[in-house]
Protein backbone atom coordinates (compact mmCIF):
# COMPACT_ATOMS: atom_id res chain seq x y z
CA UNK A 1 -0.07 0.15 0.01
CA UNK A 2 1.24 3.45 -0.91
CA UNK A 3 2.08 5.72 1.69
CA UNK A 4 0.49 8.98 0.32
CA UNK A 5 2.20 11.11 2.82
CA UNK A 6 5.50 10.51 1.29
CA UNK A 7 4.51 12.12 -1.89
CA UNK A 8 1.90 14.36 -0.81
CA UNK A 9 2.82 17.10 1.54
CA UNK A 10 3.44 20.88 1.42
CA UNK A 11 7.00 21.50 0.81
CA UNK A 12 8.87 24.29 3.42
CA UNK A 13 9.07 27.04 0.97
CA UNK A 14 5.50 26.86 0.19
CA UNK A 15 4.62 27.04 4.01
CA UNK A 16 6.71 29.92 4.22
CA UNK A 17 5.04 31.55 1.40
CA UNK A 18 1.63 30.72 3.26
CA UNK A 19 2.56 32.29 6.68
CA UNK A 20 3.89 35.32 5.00
CA UNK A 21 1.84 36.15 2.37
CA UNK A 22 -1.16 35.59 4.38
CA UNK A 23 -0.08 37.97 7.06
CA UNK A 24 0.21 40.59 4.75
CA UNK A 25 -2.96 39.57 3.08
CA UNK A 26 -4.95 39.63 6.32
CA UNK A 27 -3.37 43.04 7.19
CA UNK A 28 -4.61 44.53 3.76
CA UNK A 29 -7.87 43.05 4.44
CA UNK A 30 -8.10 44.58 7.81
CA UNK A 31 -6.99 47.92 6.31
CA UNK A 32 -9.46 48.00 3.69
CA UNK A 33 -12.69 46.39 5.65
CA UNK A 34 -12.01 48.97 8.23
CA UNK A 35 -11.79 51.98 6.07
CA UNK A 36 -12.43 55.14 6.51
CA UNK A 37 -11.06 54.37 10.12
CA UNK A 38 -7.92 52.73 8.94
CA UNK A 39 -7.29 55.24 5.94
CA UNK A 40 -5.38 58.73 6.12
CA UNK A 41 -6.70 60.82 9.01
CA UNK A 42 -9.02 58.06 10.41
CA UNK A 43 -8.45 57.14 13.97
CA UNK A 44 -6.61 53.80 13.45
CA UNK A 45 -4.28 55.26 10.49
CA UNK A 46 -1.34 55.01 12.49
CA UNK A 47 -1.36 51.29 12.44
CA UNK A 48 -1.68 51.09 8.53
CA UNK A 49 1.57 53.44 7.39
CA UNK A 50 2.33 50.82 4.91
CA UNK A 51 -0.96 51.52 3.10
CA UNK A 52 -0.66 55.24 3.77
CA UNK A 53 2.42 54.89 1.09
CA UNK A 54 0.46 52.26 -0.99
CA UNK A 55 -3.23 54.10 -1.31
CA UNK A 56 -1.33 56.80 -3.56
CA UNK A 57 0.16 54.26 -5.84
CA UNK A 58 -3.13 52.33 -6.09
CA UNK A 59 -5.83 54.66 -5.62
CA UNK A 60 -8.17 51.88 -5.92
CA UNK A 61 -7.56 51.43 -1.97
CA UNK A 62 -8.40 55.08 -1.23
CA UNK A 63 -11.87 54.62 -3.31
CA UNK A 64 -14.46 53.82 -0.85
CA UNK A 65 -17.09 52.99 -3.31
CA UNK A 66 -15.17 50.72 -5.08
CA UNK A 67 -16.59 47.06 -4.40
CA UNK A 68 -13.75 45.18 -6.08
CA UNK A 69 -11.30 46.01 -3.50
CA UNK A 70 -13.78 44.86 -0.68
CA UNK A 71 -14.28 41.68 -2.36
CA UNK A 72 -10.97 40.91 -2.95
CA UNK A 73 -10.24 41.55 0.81
CA UNK A 74 -12.89 39.09 1.84
CA UNK A 75 -11.49 36.60 -0.75
CA UNK A 76 -8.17 37.45 0.67
CA UNK A 77 -9.20 36.32 4.41
CA UNK A 78 -10.63 33.12 3.07
CA UNK A 79 -7.33 32.22 1.63
CA UNK A 80 -5.94 32.98 4.86
CA UNK A 81 -8.10 30.90 6.63
CA UNK A 82 -7.44 27.61 4.08
CA UNK A 83 -3.64 28.57 4.74
CA UNK A 84 -3.73 28.63 8.25
CA UNK A 85 -5.53 24.82 8.19
CA UNK A 86 -3.32 23.57 5.82
CA UNK A 87 -0.25 24.82 7.63
CA UNK A 88 -1.83 23.62 10.86
CA UNK A 89 -2.67 20.09 9.62
CA UNK A 90 0.52 19.62 8.08
CA UNK A 91 2.46 20.10 11.29
CA UNK A 92 0.25 18.75 13.88
CA UNK A 93 -2.14 16.07 12.21
CA UNK A 94 0.20 14.12 9.68
CA UNK A 95 -2.20 11.73 8.90
CA UNK A 96 -4.03 15.04 7.23
CA UNK A 97 -1.27 15.95 5.03
CA UNK A 98 -3.24 14.95 1.83
CA UNK A 99 -6.16 17.21 3.30
CA UNK A 100 -3.49 19.98 4.24
CA UNK A 101 -2.16 19.75 0.55
CA UNK A 102 -5.51 20.19 -0.85
CA UNK A 103 -6.25 23.08 1.11
CA UNK A 104 -2.97 24.77 0.06
CA UNK A 105 -3.74 23.96 -3.57
CA UNK A 106 -6.86 25.90 -2.96
CA UNK A 107 -5.67 28.64 -1.30
CA UNK A 108 -2.91 28.88 -3.70
CA UNK A 109 -4.77 28.66 -6.52
CA UNK A 110 -7.24 31.55 -5.39
CA UNK A 111 -4.34 33.61 -4.59
CA UNK A 112 -2.88 33.43 -8.35
CA UNK A 113 -6.40 33.58 -9.74
CA UNK A 114 -7.39 36.58 -7.73
CA UNK A 115 -4.34 38.16 -8.59
CA UNK A 116 -4.89 38.06 -12.32
CA UNK A 117 -8.08 39.10 -12.03
CA UNK A 118 -7.26 42.34 -10.30
CA UNK A 119 -4.51 43.32 -12.98
CA UNK A 120 -6.64 42.23 -15.65
CA UNK A 121 -9.72 44.37 -14.48
CA UNK A 122 -7.06 47.14 -13.75
CA UNK A 123 -5.55 46.92 -17.36
CA UNK A 124 -9.01 46.74 -18.98
CA UNK A 125 -9.92 50.00 -16.91
CA UNK A 126 -6.78 51.39 -18.67
CA UNK A 127 -4.73 51.78 -15.50
CA UNK A 128 -7.32 53.65 -14.14
CA UNK A 129 -6.26 53.31 -10.56
CA UNK A 130 -2.35 52.87 -11.18
CA UNK A 131 -1.77 54.73 -14.32
CA UNK A 132 -0.58 58.16 -12.71
CA UNK A 133 2.73 56.30 -11.18
CA UNK A 134 6.13 56.85 -12.84
CA UNK A 135 7.23 53.51 -14.63
CA UNK A 136 9.48 52.88 -11.47
CA UNK A 137 7.01 53.21 -8.90
CA UNK A 138 4.53 51.34 -11.39
CA UNK A 139 6.87 48.34 -11.53
CA UNK A 140 7.92 48.48 -7.65
CA UNK A 141 4.65 49.12 -6.34
CA UNK A 142 2.40 47.38 -8.88
CA UNK A 143 3.89 45.03 -11.26
CA UNK A 144 6.49 43.53 -9.21
CA UNK A 145 4.45 42.50 -6.02
CA UNK A 146 1.42 41.39 -8.47
CA UNK A 147 3.91 39.52 -10.61
CA UNK A 148 5.23 37.68 -6.93
CA UNK A 149 1.39 36.78 -6.01
CA UNK A 150 0.89 35.10 -9.64
CA UNK A 151 4.26 33.39 -10.15
CA UNK A 152 5.05 31.93 -6.55
CA UNK A 153 1.65 30.63 -5.82
CA UNK A 154 1.08 29.19 -9.29
CA UNK A 155 4.56 27.24 -8.56
CA UNK A 156 3.21 26.18 -5.63
CA UNK A 157 0.08 25.01 -7.17
CA UNK A 158 2.21 22.79 -9.49
CA UNK A 159 4.55 21.61 -6.77
CA UNK A 160 1.51 20.31 -4.56
CA UNK A 161 -0.46 18.64 -8.15
CA UNK A 162 2.97 17.19 -8.71
CA UNK A 163 2.78 15.18 -5.57
CA UNK A 164 -0.62 14.01 -6.18
CA UNK A 165 0.40 12.99 -9.48
CA UNK A 166 3.57 10.83 -7.92
CA UNK A 167 1.21 9.26 -5.48
CA UNK A 168 -1.34 8.05 -8.09
CA UNK A 169 1.64 6.96 -10.46
CA UNK A 170 3.03 5.01 -7.76
CA UNK A 171 -0.30 3.37 -6.20
CA UNK A 172 -0.95 2.51 -9.98
CA UNK A 173 2.07 0.82 -10.18
CA UNK A 174 1.65 -1.12 -7.10
CA UNK A 175 -1.96 -2.24 -8.34
CA UNK A 176 -0.62 -3.30 -11.75
CA UNK A 177 2.05 -5.98 -9.69
CA UNK A 178 -0.98 -7.71 -8.22
């Protein structure tokens, strides 16, 4: 019988990504969901210094009527919850590693898909919220982070799927031997 845990697990680099990216996504979501008190001039603005810089670069974050930024914040919290359970199961319930891997796979897929949607909407809107930046600021504050939030989760998705495929291949070979 194939020990699926040997092939299906979340690699350490993906665990690190899940933890760090979801801490940032949670911070981002809290900022968005608490606006206007988290925005410049709000009573909680001092806790969101990073966003005081970012809101000038991506003005969607300053637009209180923009429903998309609110929706992506809620989705980000959902990704974070899935990631938390994935990491927890990976380390505290070894028998549930396949489930942990599946949860991570879903969270990673949500991350890159949401980011592609964010970038696509911004480009279809003719860079309405980011087009005012200098090329250097656009690259540093928009293109580089968005690229990371597409490429790293996509590579994580491929890595986890590869583990499932290896486990299936080994199980099929064992079945054929019988």
